[in-house]
N, C-alpha and C. Protein backbone atom coordinates (compact mmCIF):
# COMPACT_ATOMS: atom_id res chain seq x y z
N MET A 1 67.28 103.48 172.56
CA MET A 1 66.78 104.82 172.39
C MET A 1 66.07 105.23 173.67
N THR A 2 66.26 106.48 174.06
CA THR A 2 65.60 107.01 175.24
C THR A 2 64.53 107.99 174.81
N VAL A 3 63.36 107.89 175.43
CA VAL A 3 62.29 108.85 175.16
C VAL A 3 62.02 109.63 176.44
N ARG A 4 61.71 110.89 176.26
CA ARG A 4 61.39 111.76 177.39
C ARG A 4 60.00 112.33 177.17
N LEU A 5 59.17 112.18 178.17
CA LEU A 5 57.80 112.67 178.11
C LEU A 5 57.58 113.67 179.23
N LEU A 6 57.08 114.83 178.87
CA LEU A 6 56.65 115.82 179.86
C LEU A 6 55.13 115.73 179.87
N PRO A 7 54.55 115.00 180.83
CA PRO A 7 53.11 114.74 180.80
C PRO A 7 52.28 115.96 181.16
N PRO A 8 51.00 115.95 180.76
CA PRO A 8 50.11 117.04 181.13
C PRO A 8 49.86 117.02 182.64
N SER A 9 49.52 118.18 183.20
CA SER A 9 49.30 118.26 184.64
C SER A 9 48.14 117.38 185.11
N ASP A 10 47.14 117.16 184.25
CA ASP A 10 46.02 116.31 184.65
C ASP A 10 46.27 114.83 184.35
N GLY A 11 47.42 114.52 183.76
CA GLY A 11 47.79 113.12 183.51
C GLY A 11 47.06 112.47 182.35
N VAL A 12 46.25 113.20 181.61
CA VAL A 12 45.45 112.62 180.52
C VAL A 12 46.29 112.56 179.25
N CYS A 13 46.83 111.39 178.96
CA CYS A 13 47.56 111.17 177.72
C CYS A 13 47.66 109.67 177.47
N SER A 14 47.89 109.31 176.25
CA SER A 14 48.10 107.92 175.87
C SER A 14 49.17 107.94 174.78
N VAL A 15 50.43 107.89 175.22
CA VAL A 15 51.56 108.07 174.31
C VAL A 15 52.08 106.71 173.87
N ARG A 16 52.40 106.62 172.60
CA ARG A 16 52.96 105.38 172.07
C ARG A 16 54.17 105.71 171.21
N LEU A 17 55.08 104.75 171.13
CA LEU A 17 56.22 104.84 170.23
C LEU A 17 55.76 104.24 168.91
N GLU A 18 56.00 104.97 167.80
CA GLU A 18 55.58 104.49 166.48
C GLU A 18 56.80 104.37 165.57
N ARG A 19 56.69 103.44 164.63
CA ARG A 19 57.74 103.22 163.63
C ARG A 19 57.13 103.37 162.25
N ARG A 20 57.87 104.04 161.33
CA ARG A 20 57.37 104.19 159.96
C ARG A 20 57.54 102.87 159.23
N THR A 21 56.48 102.41 158.60
CA THR A 21 56.49 101.14 157.87
C THR A 21 57.05 101.36 156.47
N PRO A 22 57.39 100.30 155.75
CA PRO A 22 57.92 100.45 154.39
C PRO A 22 56.99 101.21 153.44
N ASP A 23 55.68 101.18 153.70
CA ASP A 23 54.75 101.92 152.84
C ASP A 23 54.48 103.34 153.35
N ALA A 24 55.38 103.85 154.20
CA ALA A 24 55.37 105.23 154.71
C ALA A 24 54.21 105.54 155.65
N LYS A 25 53.61 104.52 156.25
CA LYS A 25 52.60 104.74 157.27
C LYS A 25 53.27 104.55 158.62
N TRP A 26 52.59 104.97 159.68
CA TRP A 26 53.14 104.82 161.02
C TRP A 26 52.39 103.73 161.75
N SER A 27 53.12 102.90 162.49
CA SER A 27 52.53 101.77 163.21
C SER A 27 53.01 101.80 164.65
N ALA A 28 52.10 101.55 165.58
CA ALA A 28 52.46 101.55 167.00
C ALA A 28 53.41 100.40 167.30
N VAL A 29 54.46 100.71 168.05
CA VAL A 29 55.42 99.71 168.47
C VAL A 29 55.14 99.31 169.90
N GLU A 30 54.97 100.32 170.76
CA GLU A 30 54.77 100.05 172.18
C GLU A 30 54.22 101.31 172.84
N LEU A 31 53.36 101.11 173.85
CA LEU A 31 52.89 102.24 174.62
C LEU A 31 54.01 102.72 175.52
N VAL A 32 54.10 104.02 175.73
CA VAL A 32 55.09 104.60 176.62
C VAL A 32 54.45 104.70 178.00
N PRO A 33 55.05 104.11 179.02
CA PRO A 33 54.43 104.15 180.35
C PRO A 33 54.48 105.54 180.95
N VAL A 34 53.33 106.10 181.26
CA VAL A 34 53.28 107.43 181.85
C VAL A 34 53.68 107.33 183.33
N ARG A 35 53.24 106.31 183.99
CA ARG A 35 53.64 106.07 185.38
C ARG A 35 54.86 105.16 185.36
N GLY A 36 55.68 105.27 186.35
CA GLY A 36 56.83 104.39 186.47
C GLY A 36 58.04 104.82 185.67
N PHE A 37 58.07 106.08 185.22
CA PHE A 37 59.26 106.58 184.57
C PHE A 37 60.38 106.66 185.59
N ASP A 38 61.60 106.51 185.13
CA ASP A 38 62.71 106.76 186.03
C ASP A 38 62.94 108.27 186.08
N ASP A 39 64.08 108.74 186.48
CA ASP A 39 64.34 110.17 186.66
C ASP A 39 63.94 111.00 185.45
N GLY A 40 63.23 112.08 185.69
CA GLY A 40 62.90 113.04 184.63
C GLY A 40 61.96 112.54 183.57
N PHE A 41 61.10 111.58 183.86
CA PHE A 41 60.12 111.09 182.90
C PHE A 41 60.76 110.55 181.64
N SER A 42 61.87 109.84 181.77
CA SER A 42 62.49 109.23 180.60
C SER A 42 62.33 107.72 180.67
N HIS A 43 62.36 107.08 179.52
CA HIS A 43 62.18 105.64 179.44
C HIS A 43 63.07 105.13 178.31
N ALA A 44 63.77 104.04 178.54
CA ALA A 44 64.67 103.50 177.52
C ALA A 44 64.02 102.32 176.82
N PHE A 45 64.13 102.31 175.50
CA PHE A 45 63.69 101.18 174.69
C PHE A 45 64.95 100.53 174.13
N GLU A 46 65.05 99.23 174.31
CA GLU A 46 66.23 98.51 173.82
C GLU A 46 65.80 97.50 172.76
N GLY A 47 66.74 97.19 171.87
CA GLY A 47 66.49 96.17 170.86
C GLY A 47 65.52 96.57 169.77
N LEU A 48 65.40 97.86 169.51
CA LEU A 48 64.50 98.31 168.45
C LEU A 48 65.09 97.97 167.08
N ALA A 49 64.23 97.58 166.17
CA ALA A 49 64.66 97.34 164.79
C ALA A 49 65.06 98.66 164.15
N SER A 50 65.94 98.60 163.18
CA SER A 50 66.33 99.82 162.45
C SER A 50 65.10 100.42 161.80
N GLY A 51 65.05 101.75 161.79
CA GLY A 51 63.93 102.44 161.18
C GLY A 51 63.75 103.82 161.75
N THR A 52 62.68 104.49 161.32
CA THR A 52 62.36 105.84 161.78
C THR A 52 61.26 105.75 162.82
N TYR A 53 61.47 106.45 163.95
CA TYR A 53 60.55 106.39 165.08
C TYR A 53 60.10 107.78 165.49
N ARG A 54 58.92 107.84 166.13
CA ARG A 54 58.41 109.08 166.70
C ARG A 54 57.52 108.72 167.89
N LEU A 55 57.16 109.73 168.68
CA LEU A 55 56.19 109.58 169.76
C LEU A 55 54.88 110.22 169.31
N HIS A 56 53.75 109.66 169.75
CA HIS A 56 52.43 110.13 169.31
C HIS A 56 51.46 110.01 170.48
N ASP A 57 50.82 111.11 170.84
CA ASP A 57 49.78 111.07 171.87
C ASP A 57 48.41 110.95 171.21
N ALA A 58 47.70 109.91 171.56
CA ALA A 58 46.40 109.65 170.94
C ALA A 58 45.33 110.66 171.34
N TYR A 59 45.43 111.25 172.52
CA TYR A 59 44.38 112.17 172.98
C TYR A 59 44.40 113.49 172.22
N CYS A 60 45.55 114.14 172.11
CA CYS A 60 45.57 115.46 171.46
C CYS A 60 46.23 115.41 170.09
N GLY A 61 46.72 114.25 169.66
CA GLY A 61 47.30 114.10 168.34
C GLY A 61 48.73 114.60 168.20
N ALA A 62 49.33 115.08 169.30
CA ALA A 62 50.68 115.67 169.22
C ALA A 62 51.72 114.63 168.83
N LEU A 63 52.67 115.08 167.99
CA LEU A 63 53.76 114.24 167.51
C LEU A 63 55.09 114.83 167.95
N SER A 64 56.05 113.96 168.21
CA SER A 64 57.42 114.43 168.42
C SER A 64 58.11 114.52 167.06
N GLU A 65 59.29 115.07 167.04
CA GLU A 65 60.13 114.97 165.85
C GLU A 65 60.42 113.48 165.68
N SER A 66 60.88 113.07 164.52
CA SER A 66 61.23 111.66 164.33
C SER A 66 62.75 111.50 164.38
N THR A 67 63.19 110.27 164.63
CA THR A 67 64.62 109.97 164.66
C THR A 67 64.86 108.63 163.99
N GLU A 68 66.01 108.48 163.40
CA GLU A 68 66.39 107.26 162.69
C GLU A 68 67.20 106.37 163.62
N VAL A 69 66.75 105.14 163.80
CA VAL A 69 67.47 104.15 164.61
C VAL A 69 68.20 103.22 163.66
N ARG A 70 69.48 103.07 163.90
CA ARG A 70 70.32 102.16 163.09
C ARG A 70 71.04 101.21 164.04
N ALA A 71 71.54 100.12 163.50
CA ALA A 71 72.26 99.13 164.30
C ALA A 71 73.42 99.79 165.04
N ARG A 72 73.58 99.46 166.27
CA ARG A 72 74.66 99.92 167.15
C ARG A 72 74.70 101.43 167.34
N ALA A 73 73.62 102.14 167.05
CA ALA A 73 73.58 103.58 167.28
C ALA A 73 73.32 103.83 168.76
N SER A 74 73.88 104.88 169.30
CA SER A 74 73.65 105.20 170.71
C SER A 74 73.37 106.69 170.84
N GLY A 75 72.82 107.06 171.98
CA GLY A 75 72.56 108.47 172.25
C GLY A 75 71.33 109.03 171.55
N LEU A 76 70.51 108.18 170.97
CA LEU A 76 69.30 108.65 170.29
C LEU A 76 68.20 108.93 171.30
N GLY A 77 67.39 109.92 171.01
CA GLY A 77 66.29 110.22 171.91
C GLY A 77 65.16 110.95 171.23
N LEU A 78 63.99 110.85 171.83
CA LEU A 78 62.80 111.55 171.37
C LEU A 78 62.20 112.27 172.58
N VAL A 79 61.60 113.44 172.34
CA VAL A 79 60.97 114.21 173.41
C VAL A 79 59.57 114.59 172.96
N LEU A 80 58.60 114.44 173.86
CA LEU A 80 57.24 114.90 173.61
C LEU A 80 56.79 115.69 174.83
N ASP A 81 56.55 116.98 174.62
CA ASP A 81 56.14 117.87 175.71
C ASP A 81 54.63 118.07 175.66
N LEU A 82 53.94 117.48 176.63
CA LEU A 82 52.48 117.61 176.74
C LEU A 82 52.10 118.43 177.96
N SER A 83 53.06 119.14 178.53
CA SER A 83 52.83 119.84 179.80
C SER A 83 51.75 120.92 179.71
N ARG A 84 51.45 121.41 178.51
CA ARG A 84 50.41 122.45 178.36
C ARG A 84 49.14 121.92 177.72
N ALA A 85 49.05 120.61 177.53
CA ALA A 85 47.86 120.02 176.88
C ALA A 85 46.63 120.16 177.77
N GLY A 86 45.49 120.27 177.13
CA GLY A 86 44.24 120.37 177.89
C GLY A 86 43.03 120.36 176.97
N TRP A 87 41.87 120.54 177.57
CA TRP A 87 40.59 120.45 176.86
C TRP A 87 40.16 121.81 176.32
N VAL A 88 39.49 121.79 175.18
CA VAL A 88 38.77 122.94 174.63
C VAL A 88 37.30 122.57 174.74
N GLU A 89 36.54 123.39 175.45
CA GLU A 89 35.14 123.06 175.68
C GLU A 89 34.23 124.17 175.16
N GLY A 90 33.09 123.74 174.65
CA GLY A 90 32.15 124.74 174.16
C GLY A 90 30.83 124.13 173.76
N SER A 91 29.99 124.99 173.23
CA SER A 91 28.65 124.56 172.82
C SER A 91 28.55 124.56 171.31
N LEU A 92 27.65 123.76 170.82
CA LEU A 92 27.43 123.61 169.39
C LEU A 92 25.99 124.02 169.07
N GLU A 93 25.86 124.85 168.04
CA GLU A 93 24.54 125.23 167.56
C GLU A 93 24.38 124.73 166.13
N VAL A 94 23.32 123.95 165.91
CA VAL A 94 23.05 123.40 164.58
C VAL A 94 21.63 123.78 164.17
N PRO A 95 21.36 123.83 162.86
CA PRO A 95 20.01 124.14 162.41
C PRO A 95 19.01 123.06 162.87
N GLU A 96 17.79 123.46 163.03
CA GLU A 96 16.76 122.50 163.43
C GLU A 96 16.67 121.39 162.39
N GLY A 97 16.58 120.16 162.85
CA GLY A 97 16.52 119.03 161.95
C GLY A 97 17.85 118.33 161.76
N VAL A 98 18.93 118.90 162.27
CA VAL A 98 20.26 118.29 162.19
C VAL A 98 20.55 117.63 163.53
N ALA A 99 20.84 116.35 163.49
CA ALA A 99 21.18 115.63 164.72
C ALA A 99 22.66 115.84 165.03
N SER A 100 22.96 116.11 166.30
CA SER A 100 24.35 116.40 166.66
C SER A 100 25.27 115.20 166.46
N ASP A 101 24.72 113.99 166.48
CA ASP A 101 25.59 112.82 166.26
C ASP A 101 25.97 112.66 164.79
N GLU A 102 25.41 113.49 163.90
CA GLU A 102 25.80 113.51 162.50
C GLU A 102 26.92 114.52 162.24
N VAL A 103 27.25 115.32 163.24
CA VAL A 103 28.25 116.37 163.11
C VAL A 103 29.63 115.80 163.46
N ALA A 104 30.61 116.11 162.62
CA ALA A 104 31.99 115.66 162.87
C ALA A 104 32.81 116.83 163.38
N LEU A 105 33.57 116.59 164.43
CA LEU A 105 34.49 117.59 164.96
C LEU A 105 35.85 117.36 164.31
N VAL A 106 36.42 118.42 163.74
CA VAL A 106 37.68 118.32 163.02
C VAL A 106 38.72 119.19 163.72
N VAL A 107 39.82 118.57 164.13
CA VAL A 107 40.91 119.29 164.79
C VAL A 107 42.14 119.16 163.89
N THR A 108 42.72 120.29 163.49
CA THR A 108 43.88 120.26 162.61
C THR A 108 44.94 121.21 163.14
N GLY A 109 46.18 120.95 162.76
CA GLY A 109 47.29 121.81 163.14
C GLY A 109 48.62 121.17 162.79
N ARG A 110 49.66 121.97 162.77
CA ARG A 110 51.01 121.47 162.48
C ARG A 110 51.43 120.50 163.58
N GLY A 111 52.01 119.38 163.17
CA GLY A 111 52.50 118.41 164.14
C GLY A 111 51.42 117.64 164.86
N LEU A 112 50.25 117.49 164.21
CA LEU A 112 49.16 116.69 164.78
C LEU A 112 48.80 115.57 163.83
N ALA A 113 48.46 114.43 164.39
CA ALA A 113 47.99 113.30 163.57
C ALA A 113 46.91 112.57 164.36
N PHE A 114 45.82 112.29 163.70
CA PHE A 114 44.74 111.54 164.33
C PHE A 114 44.44 110.31 163.50
N ASP A 115 44.06 109.24 164.18
CA ASP A 115 43.70 108.02 163.49
C ASP A 115 42.65 107.30 164.32
N ASP A 116 42.48 106.04 164.08
CA ASP A 116 41.44 105.30 164.78
C ASP A 116 41.97 104.57 166.01
N VAL A 117 42.85 105.22 166.74
CA VAL A 117 43.40 104.60 167.96
C VAL A 117 42.28 104.40 168.96
N VAL A 118 42.28 103.28 169.62
CA VAL A 118 41.31 102.99 170.67
C VAL A 118 42.06 102.89 171.98
N TYR A 119 41.57 103.54 173.01
CA TYR A 119 42.22 103.48 174.31
C TYR A 119 42.14 102.09 174.90
N ALA A 120 42.96 101.85 175.92
CA ALA A 120 43.00 100.55 176.58
C ALA A 120 41.64 100.15 177.14
N ASP A 121 40.84 101.13 177.56
CA ASP A 121 39.52 100.80 178.12
C ASP A 121 38.45 100.66 177.03
N GLY A 122 38.85 100.72 175.76
CA GLY A 122 37.92 100.50 174.67
C GLY A 122 37.27 101.76 174.11
N ASP A 123 37.47 102.90 174.77
CA ASP A 123 36.89 104.15 174.27
C ASP A 123 37.69 104.67 173.08
N ARG A 124 37.01 105.33 172.19
CA ARG A 124 37.69 105.96 171.06
C ARG A 124 38.19 107.34 171.48
N ILE A 125 39.03 107.90 170.68
CA ILE A 125 39.56 109.23 170.97
C ILE A 125 38.41 110.22 171.06
N PRO A 126 38.35 111.04 172.12
CA PRO A 126 37.21 111.94 172.33
C PRO A 126 37.25 113.20 171.48
N ARG A 127 37.00 113.04 170.17
CA ARG A 127 36.89 114.19 169.28
C ARG A 127 35.48 114.21 168.71
N THR A 128 34.53 113.86 169.52
CA THR A 128 33.16 113.78 169.04
C THR A 128 32.33 114.91 169.63
N VAL A 129 31.17 115.07 169.08
CA VAL A 129 30.20 116.03 169.58
C VAL A 129 29.17 115.23 170.34
N ARG A 130 28.86 115.67 171.55
CA ARG A 130 27.84 114.98 172.34
C ARG A 130 26.76 115.97 172.68
N GLY A 131 25.57 115.71 172.19
CA GLY A 131 24.47 116.64 172.41
C GLY A 131 24.81 117.98 171.80
N SER A 132 24.77 119.01 172.60
CA SER A 132 25.10 120.34 172.08
C SER A 132 26.45 120.83 172.60
N ALA A 133 27.35 119.89 172.93
CA ALA A 133 28.66 120.26 173.46
C ALA A 133 29.78 119.56 172.69
N PHE A 134 30.95 120.19 172.72
CA PHE A 134 32.13 119.54 172.15
C PHE A 134 33.27 119.68 173.14
N ARG A 135 34.24 118.75 173.06
CA ARG A 135 35.34 118.75 174.01
C ARG A 135 36.55 118.00 173.45
N PRO A 136 37.28 118.60 172.52
CA PRO A 136 38.51 117.95 172.06
C PRO A 136 39.69 118.34 172.96
N ARG A 137 40.76 117.61 172.86
CA ARG A 137 41.98 117.90 173.61
C ARG A 137 43.01 118.46 172.64
N ILE A 138 43.74 119.50 173.05
CA ILE A 138 44.77 120.08 172.19
C ILE A 138 46.10 120.11 172.95
N PRO A 139 47.23 120.17 172.21
CA PRO A 139 48.54 120.13 172.86
C PRO A 139 48.88 121.36 173.69
N GLY A 140 48.34 122.54 173.35
CA GLY A 140 48.60 123.74 174.13
C GLY A 140 49.89 124.45 173.80
N ASP A 141 50.59 124.01 172.74
CA ASP A 141 51.86 124.65 172.40
C ASP A 141 51.95 125.03 170.93
N ARG A 142 50.83 125.01 170.21
CA ARG A 142 50.83 125.33 168.77
C ARG A 142 49.44 125.74 168.34
N ASP A 143 49.36 126.44 167.19
CA ASP A 143 48.06 126.83 166.63
C ASP A 143 47.28 125.59 166.23
N VAL A 144 46.02 125.57 166.63
CA VAL A 144 45.12 124.46 166.30
C VAL A 144 43.80 125.06 165.82
N LEU A 145 43.25 124.47 164.78
CA LEU A 145 41.92 124.85 164.31
C LEU A 145 40.93 123.77 164.74
N VAL A 146 39.82 124.21 165.31
CA VAL A 146 38.73 123.31 165.69
C VAL A 146 37.50 123.74 164.91
N ALA A 147 36.93 122.81 164.16
CA ALA A 147 35.77 123.12 163.33
C ALA A 147 34.79 121.95 163.37
N VAL A 148 33.59 122.21 162.92
CA VAL A 148 32.58 121.14 162.81
C VAL A 148 32.17 121.03 161.35
N GLN A 149 31.81 119.81 160.96
CA GLN A 149 31.37 119.55 159.58
C GLN A 149 30.10 118.73 159.58
N HIS A 150 29.29 118.99 158.60
CA HIS A 150 28.07 118.23 158.38
C HIS A 150 27.81 118.28 156.87
N PRO A 151 27.36 117.19 156.25
CA PRO A 151 27.19 117.18 154.80
C PRO A 151 26.18 118.19 154.25
N ARG A 152 25.18 118.57 155.04
CA ARG A 152 24.17 119.51 154.55
C ARG A 152 24.32 120.92 155.12
N CYS A 153 25.41 121.15 155.87
CA CYS A 153 25.60 122.44 156.52
C CYS A 153 26.96 123.03 156.19
N LYS A 154 27.09 124.31 156.51
CA LYS A 154 28.38 124.99 156.37
C LYS A 154 28.66 125.73 157.68
N PRO A 155 29.93 125.97 157.97
CA PRO A 155 30.26 126.71 159.21
C PRO A 155 29.77 128.15 159.12
N ASP A 156 29.28 128.68 160.22
CA ASP A 156 28.92 130.08 160.30
C ASP A 156 30.18 130.91 160.07
N PRO A 157 30.14 131.96 159.23
CA PRO A 157 31.34 132.76 158.97
C PRO A 157 31.95 133.39 160.23
N ARG A 158 31.13 133.67 161.25
CA ARG A 158 31.64 134.28 162.48
C ARG A 158 31.97 133.26 163.57
N ASP A 159 31.21 132.19 163.64
CA ASP A 159 31.37 131.22 164.73
C ASP A 159 31.52 129.79 164.22
N GLY A 160 32.16 129.61 163.08
CA GLY A 160 32.25 128.28 162.51
C GLY A 160 33.57 127.57 162.74
N VAL A 161 34.61 128.32 163.11
CA VAL A 161 35.93 127.73 163.30
C VAL A 161 36.61 128.44 164.47
N LEU A 162 37.29 127.67 165.31
CA LEU A 162 38.07 128.24 166.41
C LEU A 162 39.55 128.10 166.07
N ARG A 163 40.30 129.15 166.29
CA ARG A 163 41.76 129.10 166.16
C ARG A 163 42.31 129.33 167.57
N LEU A 164 42.97 128.31 168.10
CA LEU A 164 43.41 128.34 169.49
C LEU A 164 44.85 127.89 169.63
N VAL A 165 45.47 128.26 170.73
CA VAL A 165 46.76 127.72 171.12
C VAL A 165 46.60 127.01 172.46
N ALA A 166 45.98 127.68 173.40
CA ALA A 166 45.86 127.14 174.77
C ALA A 166 44.48 126.53 175.00
N PRO A 167 44.42 125.52 175.86
CA PRO A 167 43.13 124.97 176.26
C PRO A 167 42.26 126.05 176.91
N SER A 168 40.95 125.98 176.68
CA SER A 168 40.04 126.98 177.23
C SER A 168 38.61 126.49 177.11
N SER A 169 37.69 127.25 177.69
CA SER A 169 36.27 126.86 177.63
C SER A 169 35.42 128.07 177.29
N GLY A 170 34.11 127.82 177.12
CA GLY A 170 33.17 128.89 176.84
C GLY A 170 33.06 129.24 175.36
N HIS A 171 33.51 128.35 174.48
CA HIS A 171 33.47 128.63 173.05
C HIS A 171 32.12 128.23 172.44
N ARG A 172 31.90 128.69 171.21
CA ARG A 172 30.69 128.31 170.48
C ARG A 172 31.07 128.03 169.04
N LEU A 173 30.56 126.93 168.52
CA LEU A 173 30.67 126.60 167.09
C LEU A 173 29.26 126.50 166.55
N ARG A 174 29.05 127.06 165.37
CA ARG A 174 27.70 127.13 164.83
C ARG A 174 27.71 126.71 163.37
N LEU A 175 26.74 125.89 162.99
CA LEU A 175 26.54 125.48 161.61
C LEU A 175 25.27 126.11 161.05
N LEU A 176 25.30 126.42 159.75
CA LEU A 176 24.15 126.97 159.04
C LEU A 176 23.81 126.05 157.87
N TRP A 177 22.56 126.11 157.40
CA TRP A 177 22.20 125.34 156.20
C TRP A 177 23.01 125.84 155.02
N LYS A 178 23.35 124.94 154.11
CA LYS A 178 24.06 125.34 152.87
C LYS A 178 23.12 126.06 151.95
């Protein structure tokens, strides 16, 4: 099977090939090398077991379509376009008495999946709130919702959720007491 990756301009991605397990979960098979691709950012995987495969970027959660690999099948391929991926940056306002490390940043959208992937350097996926700032990564090619959650707070009706397509900065998310 051949995979084609269109990497982001800043090179920030961690793409892996995943296979669906018998219990319908996805499991990493192998990291896709971002550097060292041959012509056109493609990479061939040989000797894959039969099953359903997809590409998954751990940074922005983007998924490729899936494909079925069967014995002696040829011409199969997967494509993941991250060329428009980037950061969404902004400030967070919380009520007095709420610690920002108790706030969860939630990123949702069609064709996104997040899990507990840990980068090679040991860092977790950067979907956290640090101090009064947030900085998740989005694919840049689809509608994405960015919101914050806290057990004792609710999102501000005007500034509680961001609906974005492209990476950008200068945003504000605000929580209010319930």
